[in-house]
């Protein structure tokens, strides 16, 4: 698995978060500021959630492969 910083999901989330921060820093319109904060939070949270799902599935797959190896080793003996 690629490191998180090298994935397209990271880049897209980073762009969304930066856009949200820029929107949140614009003065004069409270709706724009609120929307910017929400955008930044959603982008960061969705990236974190997606990455943890992928890592969880990878760990499950590795555990299944190891279990199959152990089972095959027992059957050979």
PDB file of N, CA and C in Angstrom:
ATOM      1  N   UNK A   1       0.832  -1.165   0.000  1.00  0.00           N
ATOM      2  CA  UNK A   1       0.000   0.000   0.000  1.00  0.00           C
ATOM      3  C   UNK A   1       0.887   1.242   0.000  1.00  0.00           C
ATOM      4  N   UNK A   2       0.481   2.217  -0.812  1.00  0.00           N
ATOM      5  CA  UNK A   2       1.232   3.464  -0.888  1.00  0.00           C
ATOM      6  C   UNK A   2       1.077   4.266   0.405  1.00  0.00           C
ATOM      7  N   UNK A   3       2.104   5.016   0.766  1.00  0.00           N
ATOM      8  CA  UNK A   3       1.939   5.921   1.903  1.00  0.00           C
ATOM      9  C   UNK A   3       0.812   6.916   1.609  1.00  0.00           C
ATOM     10  N   UNK A   4       0.085   7.308   2.642  1.00  0.00           N
ATOM     11  CA  UNK A   4      -1.079   8.165   2.457  1.00  0.00           C
ATOM     12  C   UNK A   4      -0.791   9.456   1.724  1.00  0.00           C
ATOM     13  N   UNK A   5       0.369  10.029   1.939  1.00  0.00           N
ATOM     14  CA  UNK A   5       0.687  11.320   1.334  1.00  0.00           C
ATOM     15  C   UNK A   5       0.880  11.211  -0.183  1.00  0.00           C
ATOM     16  N   UNK A   6       1.091  10.007  -0.694  1.00  0.00           N
ATOM     17  CA  UNK A   6       1.309   9.810  -2.129  1.00  0.00           C
ATOM     18  C   UNK A   6       0.038   9.407  -2.871  1.00  0.00           C
ATOM     19  N   UNK A   7      -1.110   9.417  -2.210  1.00  0.00           N
ATOM     20  CA  UNK A   7      -2.352   9.003  -2.862  1.00  0.00           C
ATOM     21  C   UNK A   7      -3.110  10.196  -3.424  1.00  0.00           C
ATOM     22  N   UNK A   8      -3.924   9.941  -4.442  1.00  0.00           N
ATOM     23  CA  UNK A   8      -4.743  11.002  -5.013  1.00  0.00           C
ATOM     24  C   UNK A   8      -5.815  11.447  -4.021  1.00  0.00           C
ATOM     25  N   UNK A   9      -6.270  10.540  -3.163  1.00  0.00           N
ATOM     26  CA  UNK A   9      -7.262  10.914  -2.161  1.00  0.00           C
ATOM     27  C   UNK A   9      -6.706  11.993  -1.228  1.00  0.00           C
ATOM     28  N   UNK A  10      -5.443  11.876  -0.884  1.00  0.00           N
ATOM     29  CA  UNK A  10      -4.811  12.872  -0.022  1.00  0.00           C
ATOM     30  C   UNK A  10      -4.767  14.227  -0.709  1.00  0.00           C
ATOM     31  N   UNK A  11      -4.377  14.238  -1.966  1.00  0.00           N
ATOM     32  CA  UNK A  11      -4.271  15.493  -2.713  1.00  0.00           C
ATOM     33  C   UNK A  11      -5.643  16.161  -2.826  1.00  0.00           C
ATOM     34  N   UNK A  12      -6.670  15.372  -3.167  1.00  0.00           N
ATOM     35  CA  UNK A  12      -8.018  15.921  -3.291  1.00  0.00           C
ATOM     36  C   UNK A  12      -8.499  16.461  -1.948  1.00  0.00           C
ATOM     37  N   UNK A  13      -8.256  15.732  -0.878  1.00  0.00           N
ATOM     38  CA  UNK A  13      -8.657  16.195   0.454  1.00  0.00           C
ATOM     39  C   UNK A  13      -7.907  17.461   0.844  1.00  0.00           C
ATOM     40  N   UNK A  14      -6.634  17.505   0.533  1.00  0.00           N
ATOM     41  CA  UNK A  14      -5.824  18.682   0.848  1.00  0.00           C
ATOM     42  C   UNK A  14      -6.346  19.917   0.113  1.00  0.00           C
ATOM     43  N   UNK A  15      -6.674  19.757  -1.166  1.00  0.00           N
ATOM     44  CA  UNK A  15      -7.213  20.874  -1.946  1.00  0.00           C
ATOM     45  C   UNK A  15      -8.536  21.343  -1.339  1.00  0.00           C
ATOM     46  N   UNK A  16      -9.398  20.398  -0.962  1.00  0.00           N
ATOM     47  CA  UNK A  16     -10.668  20.754  -0.337  1.00  0.00           C
ATOM     48  C   UNK A  16     -10.481  21.469   0.992  1.00  0.00           C
ATOM     49  N   UNK A  17      -9.534  20.988   1.783  1.00  0.00           N
ATOM     50  CA  UNK A  17      -9.279  21.619   3.080  1.00  0.00           C
ATOM     51  C   UNK A  17      -8.716  23.030   2.905  1.00  0.00           C
ATOM     52  N   UNK A  18      -7.804  23.195   1.963  1.00  0.00           N
ATOM     53  CA  UNK A  18      -7.240  24.532   1.718  1.00  0.00           C
ATOM     54  C   UNK A  18      -8.334  25.472   1.212  1.00  0.00           C
ATOM     55  N   UNK A  19      -9.176  24.971   0.306  1.00  0.00           N
ATOM     56  CA  UNK A  19     -10.303  25.777  -0.170  1.00  0.00           C
ATOM     57  C   UNK A  19     -11.232  26.175   0.965  1.00  0.00           C
ATOM     58  N   UNK A  20     -11.494  25.240   1.866  1.00  0.00           N
ATOM     59  CA  UNK A  20     -12.334  25.535   3.017  1.00  0.00           C
ATOM     60  C   UNK A  20     -11.731  26.582   3.931  1.00  0.00           C
ATOM     61  N   UNK A  21     -10.432  26.490   4.152  1.00  0.00           N
ATOM     62  CA  UNK A  21      -9.755  27.469   5.001  1.00  0.00           C
ATOM     63  C   UNK A  21      -9.793  28.858   4.346  1.00  0.00           C
ATOM     64  N   UNK A  22      -9.606  28.899   3.037  1.00  0.00           N
ATOM     65  CA  UNK A  22      -9.670  30.185   2.323  1.00  0.00           C
ATOM     66  C   UNK A  22     -11.075  30.781   2.436  1.00  0.00           C
ATOM     67  N   UNK A  23     -12.091  29.935   2.226  1.00  0.00           N
ATOM     68  CA  UNK A  23     -13.467  30.427   2.360  1.00  0.00           C
ATOM     69  C   UNK A  23     -13.744  30.906   3.783  1.00  0.00           C
ATOM     70  N   UNK A  24     -13.262  30.167   4.755  1.00  0.00           N
ATOM     71  CA  UNK A  24     -13.503  30.526   6.146  1.00  0.00           C
ATOM     72  C   UNK A  24     -12.796  31.821   6.538  1.00  0.00           C
ATOM     73  N   UNK A  25     -11.739  32.167   5.837  1.00  0.00           N
ATOM     74  CA  UNK A  25     -10.991  33.370   6.202  1.00  0.00           C
ATOM     75  C   UNK A  25     -11.526  34.629   5.529  1.00  0.00           C
ATOM     76  N   UNK A  26     -12.467  34.480   4.598  1.00  0.00           N
ATOM     77  CA  UNK A  26     -13.051  35.657   3.940  1.00  0.00           C
ATOM     78  C   UNK A  26     -13.965  36.376   4.933  1.00  0.00           C
ATOM     79  N   UNK A  27     -13.708  37.626   5.128  1.00  0.00           N
ATOM     80  CA  UNK A  27     -14.502  38.395   6.095  1.00  0.00           C
ATOM     81  C   UNK A  27     -15.687  39.052   5.402  1.00  0.00           C
ATOM     82  N   UNK A  28     -16.738  39.266   6.176  1.00  0.00           N
ATOM     83  CA  UNK A  28     -17.880  39.986   5.658  1.00  0.00           C
ATOM     84  C   UNK A  28     -19.103  39.127   5.414  1.00  0.00           C
ATOM     85  N   UNK A  29     -18.908  37.853   5.140  1.00  0.00           N
ATOM     86  CA  UNK A  29     -20.052  36.984   4.874  1.00  0.00           C
ATOM     87  C   UNK A  29     -19.985  35.787   5.814  1.00  0.00           C
ATOM     88  N   UNK A  30     -20.875  35.747   6.777  1.00  0.00           N
ATOM     89  CA  UNK A  30     -20.835  34.667   7.765  1.00  0.00           C
ATOM     90  C   UNK A  30     -21.160  33.312   7.154  1.00  0.00           C
ATOM     91  N   UNK A  31     -21.983  33.279   6.116  1.00  0.00           N
ATOM     92  CA  UNK A  31     -22.336  32.004   5.483  1.00  0.00           C
ATOM     93  C   UNK A  31     -21.133  31.386   4.776  1.00  0.00           C
ATOM     94  N   UNK A  32     -20.357  32.232   4.127  1.00  0.00           N
ATOM     95  CA  UNK A  32     -19.147  31.749   3.462  1.00  0.00           C
ATOM     96  C   UNK A  32     -18.153  31.209   4.483  1.00  0.00           C
ATOM     97  N   UNK A  33     -18.020  31.900   5.587  1.00  0.00           N
ATOM     98  CA  UNK A  33     -17.100  31.444   6.637  1.00  0.00           C
ATOM     99  C   UNK A  33     -17.564  30.109   7.215  1.00  0.00           C
ATOM    100  N   UNK A  34     -18.861  29.988   7.442  1.00  0.00           N
ATOM    101  CA  UNK A  34     -19.395  28.747   7.994  1.00  0.00           C
ATOM    102  C   UNK A  34     -19.233  27.597   6.995  1.00  0.00           C
ATOM    103  N   UNK A  35     -19.532  27.870   5.735  1.00  0.00           N
ATOM    104  CA  UNK A  35     -19.380  26.854   4.699  1.00  0.00           C
ATOM    105  C   UNK A  35     -17.924  26.411   4.556  1.00  0.00           C
ATOM    106  N   UNK A  36     -16.995  27.358   4.639  1.00  0.00           N
ATOM    107  CA  UNK A  36     -15.574  27.037   4.552  1.00  0.00           C
ATOM    108  C   UNK A  36     -15.130  26.128   5.687  1.00  0.00           C
ATOM    109  N   UNK A  37     -15.590  26.422   6.890  1.00  0.00           N
ATOM    110  CA  UNK A  37     -15.247  25.569   8.038  1.00  0.00           C
ATOM    111  C   UNK A  37     -15.811  24.172   7.886  1.00  0.00           C
ATOM    112  N   UNK A  38     -17.043  24.087   7.412  1.00  0.00           N
ATOM    113  CA  UNK A  38     -17.665  22.770   7.196  1.00  0.00           C
ATOM    114  C   UNK A  38     -16.924  22.001   6.110  1.00  0.00           C
ATOM    115  N   UNK A  39     -16.572  22.679   5.009  1.00  0.00           N
ATOM    116  CA  UNK A  39     -15.850  22.028   3.913  1.00  0.00           C
ATOM    117  C   UNK A  39     -14.514  21.470   4.387  1.00  0.00           C
ATOM    118  N   UNK A  40     -13.769  22.257   5.141  1.00  0.00           N
ATOM    119  CA  UNK A  40     -12.466  21.805   5.644  1.00  0.00           C
ATOM    120  C   UNK A  40     -12.628  20.601   6.566  1.00  0.00           C
ATOM    121  N   UNK A  41     -13.624  20.651   7.440  1.00  0.00           N
ATOM    122  CA  UNK A  41     -13.848  19.543   8.382  1.00  0.00           C
ATOM    123  C   UNK A  41     -14.279  18.271   7.662  1.00  0.00           C
ATOM    124  N   UNK A  42     -15.169  18.406   6.699  1.00  0.00           N
ATOM    125  CA  UNK A  42     -15.660  17.234   5.969  1.00  0.00           C
ATOM    126  C   UNK A  42     -14.539  16.601   5.146  1.00  0.00           C
ATOM    127  N   UNK A  43     -13.731  17.417   4.494  1.00  0.00           N
ATOM    128  CA  UNK A  43     -12.625  16.871   3.694  1.00  0.00           C
ATOM    129  C   UNK A  43     -11.622  16.123   4.566  1.00  0.00           C
ATOM    130  N   UNK A  44     -11.258  16.703   5.685  1.00  0.00           N
ATOM    131  CA  UNK A  44     -10.313  16.038   6.592  1.00  0.00           C
ATOM    132  C   UNK A  44     -10.893  14.772   7.181  1.00  0.00           C
ATOM    133  N   UNK A  45     -12.134  14.841   7.611  1.00  0.00           N
ATOM    134  CA  UNK A  45     -12.780  13.667   8.209  1.00  0.00           C
ATOM    135  C   UNK A  45     -12.997  12.542   7.221  1.00  0.00           C
ATOM    136  N   UNK A  46     -13.405  12.886   5.994  1.00  0.00           N
ATOM    137  CA  UNK A  46     -13.651  11.833   5.008  1.00  0.00           C
ATOM    138  C   UNK A  46     -12.355  11.145   4.591  1.00  0.00           C
ATOM    139  N   UNK A  47     -11.271  11.907   4.504  1.00  0.00           N
ATOM    140  CA  UNK A  47      -9.984  11.292   4.179  1.00  0.00           C
ATOM    141  C   UNK A  47      -9.559  10.325   5.281  1.00  0.00           C
ATOM    142  N   UNK A  48      -9.678  10.764   6.520  1.00  0.00           N
ATOM    143  CA  UNK A  48      -9.298   9.919   7.656  1.00  0.00           C
ATOM    144  C   UNK A  48     -10.137   8.655   7.697  1.00  0.00           C
ATOM    145  N   UNK A  49     -11.436   8.783   7.506  1.00  0.00           N
ATOM    146  CA  UNK A  49     -12.321   7.627   7.539  1.00  0.00           C
ATOM    147  C   UNK A  49     -12.002   6.659   6.389  1.00  0.00           C
ATOM    148  N   UNK A  50     -11.832   7.196   5.202  1.00  0.00           N
ATOM    149  CA  UNK A  50     -11.524   6.348   4.055  1.00  0.00           C
ATOM    150  C   UNK A  50     -10.209   5.613   4.211  1.00  0.00           C
ATOM    151  N   UNK A  51      -9.212   6.306   4.721  1.00  0.00           N
ATOM    152  CA  UNK A  51      -7.894   5.685   4.908  1.00  0.00           C
ATOM    153  C   UNK A  51      -7.942   4.581   5.962  1.00  0.00           C
ATOM    154  N   UNK A  52      -8.709   4.797   7.033  1.00  0.00           N
ATOM    155  CA  UNK A  52      -8.802   3.762   8.062  1.00  0.00           C
ATOM    156  C   UNK A  52      -9.570   2.543   7.557  1.00  0.00           C
ATOM    157  N   UNK A  53     -10.553   2.735   6.688  1.00  0.00           N
ATOM    158  CA  UNK A  53     -11.259   1.597   6.101  1.00  0.00           C
ATOM    159  C   UNK A  53     -10.302   0.774   5.244  1.00  0.00           C
ATOM    160  N   UNK A  54      -9.506   1.461   4.431  1.00  0.00           N
ATOM    161  CA  UNK A  54      -8.555   0.756   3.569  1.00  0.00           C
ATOM    162  C   UNK A  54      -7.528  -0.011   4.401  1.00  0.00           C
ATOM    163  N   UNK A  55      -7.001   0.611   5.435  1.00  0.00           N
ATOM    164  CA  UNK A  55      -6.018  -0.067   6.284  1.00  0.00           C
ATOM    165  C   UNK A  55      -6.633  -1.241   7.022  1.00  0.00           C
ATOM    166  N   UNK A  56      -7.893  -1.113   7.436  1.00  0.00           N
ATOM    167  CA  UNK A  56      -8.576  -2.215   8.104  1.00  0.00           C
ATOM    168  C   UNK A  56      -8.757  -3.409   7.183  1.00  0.00           C
ATOM    169  N   UNK A  57      -9.132  -3.132   5.939  1.00  0.00           N
ATOM    170  CA  UNK A  57      -9.297  -4.221   4.972  1.00  0.00           C
ATOM    171  C   UNK A  57      -7.969  -4.881   4.646  1.00  0.00           C
ATOM    172  N   UNK A  58      -6.912  -4.089   4.585  1.00  0.00           N
ATOM    173  CA  UNK A  58      -5.589  -4.652   4.335  1.00  0.00           C
ATOM    174  C   UNK A  58      -5.171  -5.568   5.487  1.00  0.00           C
ATOM    175  N   UNK A  59      -5.426  -5.141   6.709  1.00  0.00           N
ATOM    176  CA  UNK A  59      -5.069  -5.958   7.873  1.00  0.00           C
ATOM    177  C   UNK A  59      -5.889  -7.247   7.903  1.00  0.00           C
ATOM    178  N   UNK A  60      -7.173  -7.153   7.555  1.00  0.00           N
ATOM    179  CA  UNK A  60      -8.020  -8.350   7.511  1.00  0.00           C
ATOM    180  C   UNK A  60      -7.513  -9.324   6.456  1.00  0.00           C
ATOM    181  N   UNK A  61      -7.156  -8.809   5.299  1.00  0.00           N
ATOM    182  CA  UNK A  61      -6.627  -9.664   4.236  1.00  0.00           C
ATOM    183  C   UNK A  61      -5.337 -10.347   4.637  1.00  0.00           C
ATOM    184  N   UNK A  62      -4.448  -9.611   5.289  1.00  0.00           N
ATOM    185  CA  UNK A  62      -3.180 -10.192   5.733  1.00  0.00           C
ATOM    186  C   UNK A  62      -3.422 -11.279   6.775  1.00  0.00           C
ATOM    187  N   UNK A  63      -4.393 -11.059   7.662  1.00  0.00           N
ATOM    188  CA  UNK A  63      -4.716 -12.063   8.681  1.00  0.00           C
ATOM    189  C   UNK A  63      -5.294 -13.323   8.034  1.00  0.00           C
ATOM    190  N   UNK A  64      -6.122 -13.146   7.009  1.00  0.00           N
ATOM    191  CA  UNK A  64      -6.693 -14.299   6.322  1.00  0.00           C
ATOM    192  C   UNK A  64      -5.631 -15.107   5.589  1.00  0.00           C
ATOM    193  N   UNK A  65      -4.689 -14.415   4.982  1.00  0.00           N
ATOM    194  CA  UNK A  65      -3.595 -15.110   4.286  1.00  0.00           C
ATOM    195  C   UNK A  65      -2.760 -15.897   5.288  1.00  0.00           C
ATOM    196  N   UNK A  66      -2.453 -15.287   6.420  1.00  0.00           N
ATOM    197  CA  UNK A  66      -1.658 -15.970   7.440  1.00  0.00           C
ATOM    198  C   UNK A  66      -2.407 -17.175   8.001  1.00  0.00           C
ATOM    199  N   UNK A  67      -3.702 -17.041   8.215  1.00  0.00           N
ATOM    200  CA  UNK A  67      -4.502 -18.164   8.711  1.00  0.00           C
ATOM    201  C   UNK A  67      -4.518 -19.308   7.701  1.00  0.00           C
ATOM    202  N   UNK A  68      -4.608 -18.981   6.423  1.00  0.00           N
ATOM    203  CA  UNK A  68      -4.597 -20.009   5.385  1.00  0.00           C
ATOM    204  C   UNK A  68      -3.243 -20.720   5.337  1.00  0.00           C
ATOM    205  N   UNK A  69      -2.169 -19.959   5.536  1.00  0.00           N
ATOM    206  CA  UNK A  69      -0.829 -20.579   5.554  1.00  0.00           C
ATOM    207  C   UNK A  69      -0.690 -21.547   6.728  1.00  0.00           C
ATOM    208  N   UNK A  70      -1.170 -21.129   7.891  1.00  0.00           N
ATOM    209  CA  UNK A  70      -1.092 -21.983   9.068  1.00  0.00           C
ATOM    210  C   UNK A  70      -1.921 -23.249   8.875  1.00  0.00           C
ATOM    211  N   UNK A  71      -3.093 -23.107   8.299  1.00  0.00           N
ATOM    212  CA  UNK A  71      -3.959 -24.260   8.048  1.00  0.00           C
ATOM    213  C   UNK A  71      -3.308 -25.221   7.045  1.00  0.00           C
ATOM    214  N   UNK A  72      -2.711 -24.670   6.004  1.00  0.00           N
ATOM    215  CA  UNK A  72      -2.048 -25.502   5.015  1.00  0.00           C
ATOM    216  C   UNK A  72      -0.850 -26.223   5.626  1.00  0.00           C
ATOM    217  N   UNK A  73      -0.139 -25.542   6.522  1.00  0.00           N
ATOM    218  CA  UNK A  73       1.020 -26.143   7.169  1.00  0.00           C
ATOM    219  C   UNK A  73       0.562 -27.310   8.064  1.00  0.00           C
ATOM    220  N   UNK A  74      -0.554 -27.175   8.757  1.00  0.00           N
ATOM    221  CA  UNK A  74      -1.072 -28.248   9.604  1.00  0.00           C
ATOM    222  C   UNK A  74      -1.519 -29.444   8.783  1.00  0.00           C
ATOM    223  N   UNK A  75      -2.102 -29.196   7.625  1.00  0.00           N
ATOM    224  CA  UNK A  75      -2.591 -30.274   6.784  1.00  0.00           C
ATOM    225  C   UNK A  75      -1.457 -31.077   6.171  1.00  0.00           C
ATOM    226  N   UNK A  76      -0.335 -30.434   5.900  1.00  0.00           N
ATOM    227  CA  UNK A  76       0.819 -31.111   5.328  1.00  0.00           C
ATOM    228  C   UNK A  76       1.465 -32.033   6.346  1.00  0.00           C
ATOM    229  N   UNK A  77       1.462 -31.641   7.591  1.00  0.00           N
ATOM    230  CA  UNK A  77       2.107 -32.439   8.634  1.00  0.00           C
ATOM    231  C   UNK A  77       1.287 -33.613   8.909  1.00  0.00           C
TER     232      UNK A  77
END
